[in-house]
Amino acid sequence: MGNYGSPGLLNDTLQEKSIFKSQSFFVLSQIKPNSVFMEENKKEGRYSRIYNQLSELVLKSNSPVARMATIIAVLHHKMETFFWTGFYILENGEMIVQMYQGPVACQVLEKNKGVCWAAFNQKNAVVVEDVHLFPGHIACDSRSNSEIVVPLKNREGEIIGVLDVDSKEKANFDAVDVKWLERILELIYA
């Protein structure tokens, strides 16, 4: 099981497990490249529409909590392969679940273990095509098969938590998801 307390340790683990760094995020890749669940153009279009909708919705409140809840609700219901969608926020050194949609979540994530801590510690999005192959994966629900975790930054640019999205489908997430989810998270403190 991996301990992702330092960037070097995660990088070593990634190399050992045939995980590679792609652009600014990590991908565990054991899935054939042509196993795509949503065409890239279709996914781009869907995210573009979601982003435009959220851009208007979040203006109704200055509250980051209200904005986060709105983002989670819209993403979870507009992206049909999103099985669990939510935020984990760092509180007193612990990664604690906040607002989410989907099955019951792990309330507190074991420190420096799993995909959420990996993204937080690396300060990069992490895409895992098959969570069952990720060292130290925390299985809050065994039906999850792939995952994307994107760091959440406050107004000062400090990482305060992560957006975590799980899918029942393997290899559900890619660079398109990373790009749009990072952009959508910027709306919280805009």
C-alpha atoms as a PDB file:
ATOM      1  CA  MET A   1       0.000   0.000   0.000  1.00  0.00           C
ATOM      2  CA  GLY A   2       1.326   3.397  -0.954  1.00  0.00           C
ATOM      3  CA  ASN A   3       2.115   6.287   1.348  1.00  0.00           C
ATOM      4  CA  TYR A   4       1.962   9.481  -0.682  1.00  0.00           C
ATOM      5  CA  GLY A   5       3.359  11.923   1.865  1.00  0.00           C
ATOM      6  CA  SER A   6       6.067  13.206  -0.460  1.00  0.00           C
ATOM      7  CA  PRO A   7       6.103  13.843  -4.216  1.00  0.00           C
ATOM      8  CA  GLY A   8       9.177  11.648  -4.698  1.00  0.00           C
ATOM      9  CA  LEU A   9       7.499   8.684  -3.033  1.00  0.00           C
ATOM     10  CA  LEU A  10       4.440   8.928  -5.266  1.00  0.00           C
ATOM     11  CA  ASN A  11       6.633   9.261  -8.348  1.00  0.00           C
ATOM     12  CA  ASP A  12       8.573   6.128  -7.298  1.00  0.00           C
ATOM     13  CA  THR A  13       5.309   4.266  -6.718  1.00  0.00           C
ATOM     14  CA  LEU A  14       3.970   5.447 -10.064  1.00  0.00           C
ATOM     15  CA  GLN A  15       7.031   4.131 -11.881  1.00  0.00           C
ATOM     16  CA  GLU A  16       6.810   0.769 -10.105  1.00  0.00           C
ATOM     17  CA  LYS A  17       3.138   0.321 -11.021  1.00  0.00           C
ATOM     18  CA  SER A  18       3.349   1.353 -14.700  1.00  0.00           C
ATOM     19  CA  ILE A  19       1.615   4.611 -13.957  1.00  0.00           C
ATOM     20  CA  PHE A  20       2.747   7.543 -16.041  1.00  0.00           C
ATOM     21  CA  LYS A  21       2.521  11.289 -15.696  1.00  0.00           C
ATOM     22  CA  SER A  22       0.671  12.894 -18.587  1.00  0.00           C
ATOM     23  CA  GLN A  23       0.720  16.675 -18.908  1.00  0.00           C
ATOM     24  CA  SER A  24      -0.075  17.947 -15.401  1.00  0.00           C
ATOM     25  CA  PHE A  25      -1.879  14.917 -14.056  1.00  0.00           C
ATOM     26  CA  PHE A  26      -1.180  11.279 -13.283  1.00  0.00           C
ATOM     27  CA  VAL A  27      -2.817   8.362 -15.069  1.00  0.00           C
ATOM     28  CA  LEU A  28      -2.846   4.699 -14.150  1.00  0.00           C
ATOM     29  CA  SER A  29      -3.064   3.158 -17.598  1.00  0.00           C
ATOM     30  CA  GLN A  30      -3.746  -0.512 -18.132  1.00  0.00           C
ATOM     31  CA  ILE A  31      -6.800  -0.013 -20.334  1.00  0.00           C
ATOM     32  CA  LYS A  32      -6.716  -0.107 -24.122  1.00  0.00           C
ATOM     33  CA  PRO A  33      -6.739   3.457 -25.556  1.00  0.00           C
ATOM     34  CA  ASN A  34      -9.832   2.823 -27.685  1.00  0.00           C
ATOM     35  CA  SER A  35     -12.047   2.014 -24.684  1.00  0.00           C
ATOM     36  CA  VAL A  36     -13.776   5.411 -24.708  1.00  0.00           C
ATOM     37  CA  PHE A  37     -17.202   5.915 -23.138  1.00  0.00           C
ATOM     38  CA  MET A  38     -17.983   9.351 -24.472  1.00  0.00           C
ATOM     39  CA  GLU A  39     -16.521  10.728 -27.674  1.00  0.00           C
ATOM     40  CA  GLU A  40     -14.047  13.512 -27.000  1.00  0.00           C
ATOM     41  CA  ASN A  41     -16.032  16.090 -29.014  1.00  0.00           C
ATOM     42  CA  LYS A  42     -19.270  15.118 -27.314  1.00  0.00           C
ATOM     43  CA  LYS A  43     -17.610  15.332 -23.900  1.00  0.00           C
ATOM     44  CA  GLU A  44     -16.084  18.744 -24.741  1.00  0.00           C
ATOM     45  CA  GLY A  45     -19.513  20.019 -25.798  1.00  0.00           C
ATOM     46  CA  ARG A  46     -21.210  18.695 -22.682  1.00  0.00           C
ATOM     47  CA  TYR A  47     -18.607  20.267 -20.390  1.00  0.00           C
ATOM     48  CA  SER A  48     -18.842  23.554 -22.278  1.00  0.00           C
ATOM     49  CA  ARG A  49     -22.610  23.667 -21.724  1.00  0.00           C
ATOM     50  CA  ILE A  50     -22.215  22.686 -18.050  1.00  0.00           C
ATOM     51  CA  TYR A  51     -19.563  25.371 -17.549  1.00  0.00           C
ATOM     52  CA  ASN A  52     -21.814  28.037 -19.093  1.00  0.00           C
ATOM     53  CA  GLN A  53     -24.721  26.925 -16.903  1.00  0.00           C
ATOM     54  CA  LEU A  54     -22.595  26.907 -13.760  1.00  0.00           C
ATOM     55  CA  SER A  55     -21.076  30.299 -14.584  1.00  0.00           C
ATOM     56  CA  GLU A  56     -24.550  31.794 -14.272  1.00  0.00           C
ATOM     57  CA  LEU A  57     -25.748  29.678 -11.335  1.00  0.00           C
ATOM     58  CA  VAL A  58     -22.813  30.389  -9.007  1.00  0.00           C
ATOM     59  CA  LEU A  59     -23.292  34.152  -9.366  1.00  0.00           C
ATOM     60  CA  LYS A  60     -26.421  33.841  -7.232  1.00  0.00           C
ATOM     61  CA  SER A  61     -24.313  33.403  -4.070  1.00  0.00           C
ATOM     62  CA  ASN A  62     -20.918  34.488  -2.815  1.00  0.00           C
ATOM     63  CA  SER A  63     -20.778  31.466  -0.538  1.00  0.00           C
ATOM     64  CA  PRO A  64     -18.115  28.924  -1.572  1.00  0.00           C
ATOM     65  CA  VAL A  65     -20.196  26.204   0.135  1.00  0.00           C
ATOM     66  CA  ALA A  66     -23.288  27.054  -1.930  1.00  0.00           C
ATOM     67  CA  ARG A  67     -21.186  27.170  -5.089  1.00  0.00           C
ATOM     68  CA  MET A  68     -19.584  23.800  -4.297  1.00  0.00           C
ATOM     69  CA  ALA A  69     -22.975  22.203  -3.640  1.00  0.00           C
ATOM     70  CA  THR A  70     -24.338  23.570  -6.914  1.00  0.00           C
ATOM     71  CA  ILE A  71     -21.334  22.359  -8.888  1.00  0.00           C
ATOM     72  CA  ILE A  72     -21.611  18.868  -7.400  1.00  0.00           C
ATOM     73  CA  ALA A  73     -25.344  18.631  -8.138  1.00  0.00           C
ATOM     74  CA  VAL A  74     -24.992  19.793 -11.737  1.00  0.00           C
ATOM     75  CA  LEU A  75     -21.982  17.586 -12.524  1.00  0.00           C
ATOM     76  CA  HIS A  76     -23.488  14.518 -10.904  1.00  0.00           C
ATOM     77  CA  HIS A  77     -26.766  14.799 -12.797  1.00  0.00           C
ATOM     78  CA  LYS A  78     -25.434  15.985 -16.169  1.00  0.00           C
ATOM     79  CA  MET A  79     -22.551  13.498 -16.541  1.00  0.00           C
ATOM     80  CA  GLU A  80     -24.235  10.100 -16.691  1.00  0.00           C
ATOM     81  CA  THR A  81     -21.094   8.108 -15.838  1.00  0.00           C
ATOM     82  CA  PHE A  82     -20.404  10.039 -12.608  1.00  0.00           C
ATOM     83  CA  PHE A  83     -21.254   7.488  -9.899  1.00  0.00           C
ATOM     84  CA  TRP A  84     -19.997   9.497  -6.904  1.00  0.00           C
ATOM     85  CA  THR A  85     -19.227  13.220  -7.041  1.00  0.00           C
ATOM     86  CA  GLY A  86     -18.026  15.245  -4.076  1.00  0.00           C
ATOM     87  CA  PHE A  87     -15.497  17.289  -2.173  1.00  0.00           C
ATOM     88  CA  TYR A  88     -13.021  16.315   0.505  1.00  0.00           C
ATOM     89  CA  ILE A  89     -11.650  19.314   2.427  1.00  0.00           C
ATOM     90  CA  LEU A  90      -8.601  19.411   4.682  1.00  0.00           C
ATOM     91  CA  GLU A  91      -9.611  20.158   8.279  1.00  0.00           C
ATOM     92  CA  ASN A  92      -7.025  19.959  11.070  1.00  0.00           C
ATOM     93  CA  GLY A  93      -4.813  17.724   8.953  1.00  0.00           C
ATOM     94  CA  GLU A  94      -7.636  15.341   8.035  1.00  0.00           C
ATOM     95  CA  MET A  95      -9.347  14.921   4.662  1.00  0.00           C
ATOM     96  CA  ILE A  96     -13.060  15.176   5.557  1.00  0.00           C
ATOM     97  CA  VAL A  97     -15.974  14.606   3.194  1.00  0.00           C
ATOM     98  CA  GLN A  98     -18.137  17.657   2.498  1.00  0.00           C
ATOM     99  CA  MET A  99     -21.061  17.978   0.093  1.00  0.00           C
ATOM    100  CA  TYR A 100     -21.472  15.086  -2.330  1.00  0.00           C
ATOM    101  CA  GLN A 101     -23.941  13.157  -4.490  1.00  0.00           C
ATOM    102  CA  GLY A 102     -24.008   9.381  -4.740  1.00  0.00           C
ATOM    103  CA  PRO A 103     -23.742   6.506  -2.267  1.00  0.00           C
ATOM    104  CA  VAL A 104     -22.579   7.015   1.316  1.00  0.00           C
ATOM    105  CA  ALA A 105     -18.970   8.206   1.407  1.00  0.00           C
ATOM    106  CA  CYS A 106     -15.976   7.547   3.608  1.00  0.00           C
ATOM    107  CA  GLN A 107     -16.197  10.402   6.108  1.00  0.00           C
ATOM    108  CA  VAL A 108     -12.474  10.664   6.888  1.00  0.00           C
ATOM    109  CA  LEU A 109      -9.762   9.439   4.502  1.00  0.00           C
ATOM    110  CA  GLU A 110      -6.726   7.733   5.970  1.00  0.00           C
ATOM    111  CA  LYS A 111      -3.842  10.202   5.796  1.00  0.00           C
ATOM    112  CA  ASN A 112      -1.538   9.932   2.775  1.00  0.00           C
ATOM    113  CA  LYS A 113      -3.397   6.947   1.360  1.00  0.00           C
ATOM    114  CA  GLY A 114      -5.533   6.725  -1.766  1.00  0.00           C
ATOM    115  CA  VAL A 115      -6.193   8.853  -4.809  1.00  0.00           C
ATOM    116  CA  CYS A 116      -7.474  11.952  -2.970  1.00  0.00           C
ATOM    117  CA  TRP A 117      -4.342  12.275  -0.852  1.00  0.00           C
ATOM    118  CA  ALA A 118      -2.166  11.544  -3.897  1.00  0.00           C
ATOM    119  CA  ALA A 119      -3.727  14.484  -5.786  1.00  0.00           C
ATOM    120  CA  PHE A 120      -3.530  16.737  -2.734  1.00  0.00           C
ATOM    121  CA  ASN A 121       0.129  15.916  -2.019  1.00  0.00           C
ATOM    122  CA  GLN A 122       1.184  16.094  -5.669  1.00  0.00           C
ATOM    123  CA  LYS A 123      -0.774  19.314  -6.278  1.00  0.00           C
ATOM    124  CA  ASN A 124      -1.988  17.806  -9.562  1.00  0.00           C
ATOM    125  CA  ALA A 125      -5.076  16.075 -10.843  1.00  0.00           C
ATOM    126  CA  VAL A 126      -4.888  12.294 -10.702  1.00  0.00           C
ATOM    127  CA  VAL A 127      -6.750  10.103 -13.194  1.00  0.00           C
ATOM    128  CA  VAL A 128      -6.997   6.396 -12.390  1.00  0.00           C
ATOM    129  CA  GLU A 129      -8.436   4.184 -15.103  1.00  0.00           C
ATOM    130  CA  ASP A 130      -8.765   1.147 -12.794  1.00  0.00           C
ATOM    131  CA  VAL A 131      -8.883   1.955  -9.082  1.00  0.00           C
ATOM    132  CA  HIS A 132      -8.328  -1.692  -8.183  1.00  0.00           C
ATOM    133  CA  LEU A 133      -4.761  -1.332  -9.524  1.00  0.00           C
ATOM    134  CA  PHE A 134      -3.977   1.900  -7.643  1.00  0.00           C
ATOM    135  CA  PRO A 135      -1.679   1.258  -4.679  1.00  0.00           C
ATOM    136  CA  GLY A 136      -3.414   2.195  -1.431  1.00  0.00           C
ATOM    137  CA  HIS A 137      -6.793   2.870  -3.037  1.00  0.00           C
ATOM    138  CA  ILE A 138      -9.498   3.564  -0.461  1.00  0.00           C
ATOM    139  CA  ALA A 139     -12.619   1.692  -1.522  1.00  0.00           C
ATOM    140  CA  CYS A 140     -15.576   3.595  -0.095  1.00  0.00           C
ATOM    141  CA  ASP A 141     -17.817   1.700  -2.547  1.00  0.00           C
ATOM    142  CA  SER A 142     -16.653  -1.435  -4.353  1.00  0.00           C
ATOM    143  CA  ARG A 143     -18.737  -0.521  -7.421  1.00  0.00           C
ATOM    144  CA  SER A 144     -16.317   2.292  -8.287  1.00  0.00           C
ATOM    145  CA  ASN A 145     -13.888   1.302 -11.039  1.00  0.00           C
ATOM    146  CA  SER A 146     -12.234   4.548 -12.177  1.00  0.00           C
ATOM    147  CA  GLU A 147     -11.615   7.875 -10.507  1.00  0.00           C
ATOM    148  CA  ILE A 148     -10.487  11.436 -11.096  1.00  0.00           C
ATOM    149  CA  VAL A 149      -9.364  13.748  -8.309  1.00  0.00           C
ATOM    150  CA  VAL A 150      -8.701  17.446  -8.896  1.00  0.00           C
ATOM    151  CA  PRO A 151      -7.148  19.750  -6.271  1.00  0.00           C
ATOM    152  CA  LEU A 152      -9.355  22.596  -5.013  1.00  0.00           C
ATOM    153  CA  LYS A 153      -7.646  25.954  -4.473  1.00  0.00           C
ATOM    154  CA  ASN A 154      -8.921  28.883  -2.408  1.00  0.00           C
ATOM    155  CA  ARG A 155      -8.670  32.551  -3.427  1.00  0.00           C
ATOM    156  CA  GLU A 156      -5.027  32.658  -2.324  1.00  0.00           C
ATOM    157  CA  GLY A 157      -4.156  29.677  -4.536  1.00  0.00           C
ATOM    158  CA  GLU A 158      -3.641  27.292  -1.610  1.00  0.00           C
ATOM    159  CA  ILE A 159      -4.910  23.749  -2.029  1.00  0.00           C
ATOM    160  CA  ILE A 160      -7.602  23.234   0.598  1.00  0.00           C
ATOM    161  CA  GLY A 161      -9.113  19.974  -0.609  1.00  0.00           C
ATOM    162  CA  VAL A 162     -10.089  18.002  -3.678  1.00  0.00           C
ATOM    163  CA  LEU A 163     -12.960  17.276  -6.019  1.00  0.00           C
ATOM    164  CA  ASP A 164     -13.353  13.504  -6.220  1.00  0.00           C
ATOM    165  CA  VAL A 165     -15.394  11.784  -8.942  1.00  0.00           C
ATOM    166  CA  ASP A 166     -15.853   8.024  -9.268  1.00  0.00           C
ATOM    167  CA  SER A 167     -17.322   6.010 -12.115  1.00  0.00           C
ATOM    168  CA  LYS A 168     -18.548   2.429 -12.358  1.00  0.00           C
ATOM    169  CA  GLU A 169     -16.872   2.319 -15.780  1.00  0.00           C
ATOM    170  CA  LYS A 170     -13.153   1.646 -16.156  1.00  0.00           C
ATOM    171  CA  ALA A 171     -11.127   4.286 -18.008  1.00  0.00           C
ATOM    172  CA  ASN A 172     -13.963   6.801 -17.783  1.00  0.00           C
ATOM    173  CA  PHE A 173     -11.790   9.903 -17.257  1.00  0.00           C
ATOM    174  CA  ASP A 174      -9.170  11.592 -19.414  1.00  0.00           C
ATOM    175  CA  ALA A 175      -7.477  14.927 -20.191  1.00  0.00           C
ATOM    176  CA  VAL A 176     -10.802  16.469 -21.243  1.00  0.00           C
ATOM    177  CA  ASP A 177     -12.209  15.835 -17.755  1.00  0.00           C
ATOM    178  CA  VAL A 178      -9.092  17.269 -16.120  1.00  0.00           C
ATOM    179  CA  LYS A 179      -9.210  20.450 -18.225  1.00  0.00           C
ATOM    180  CA  TRP A 180     -12.898  21.155 -17.625  1.00  0.00           C
ATOM    181  CA  LEU A 181     -13.062  20.129 -13.966  1.00  0.00           C
ATOM    182  CA  GLU A 182     -10.085  22.375 -13.160  1.00  0.00           C
ATOM    183  CA  ARG A 183     -11.837  25.222 -14.974  1.00  0.00           C
ATOM    184  CA  ILE A 184     -15.147  24.553 -13.197  1.00  0.00           C
ATOM    185  CA  LEU A 185     -13.434  24.570  -9.778  1.00  0.00           C
ATOM    186  CA  GLU A 186     -12.137  28.075 -10.492  1.00  0.00           C
ATOM    187  CA  LEU A 187     -15.769  29.261 -10.332  1.00  0.00           C
ATOM    188  CA  ILE A 188     -15.973  28.530  -6.588  1.00  0.00           C
ATOM    189  CA  TYR A 189     -13.765  31.422  -5.526  1.00  0.00           C
ATOM    190  CA  ALA A 190     -14.202  33.672  -8.585  1.00  0.00           C
END
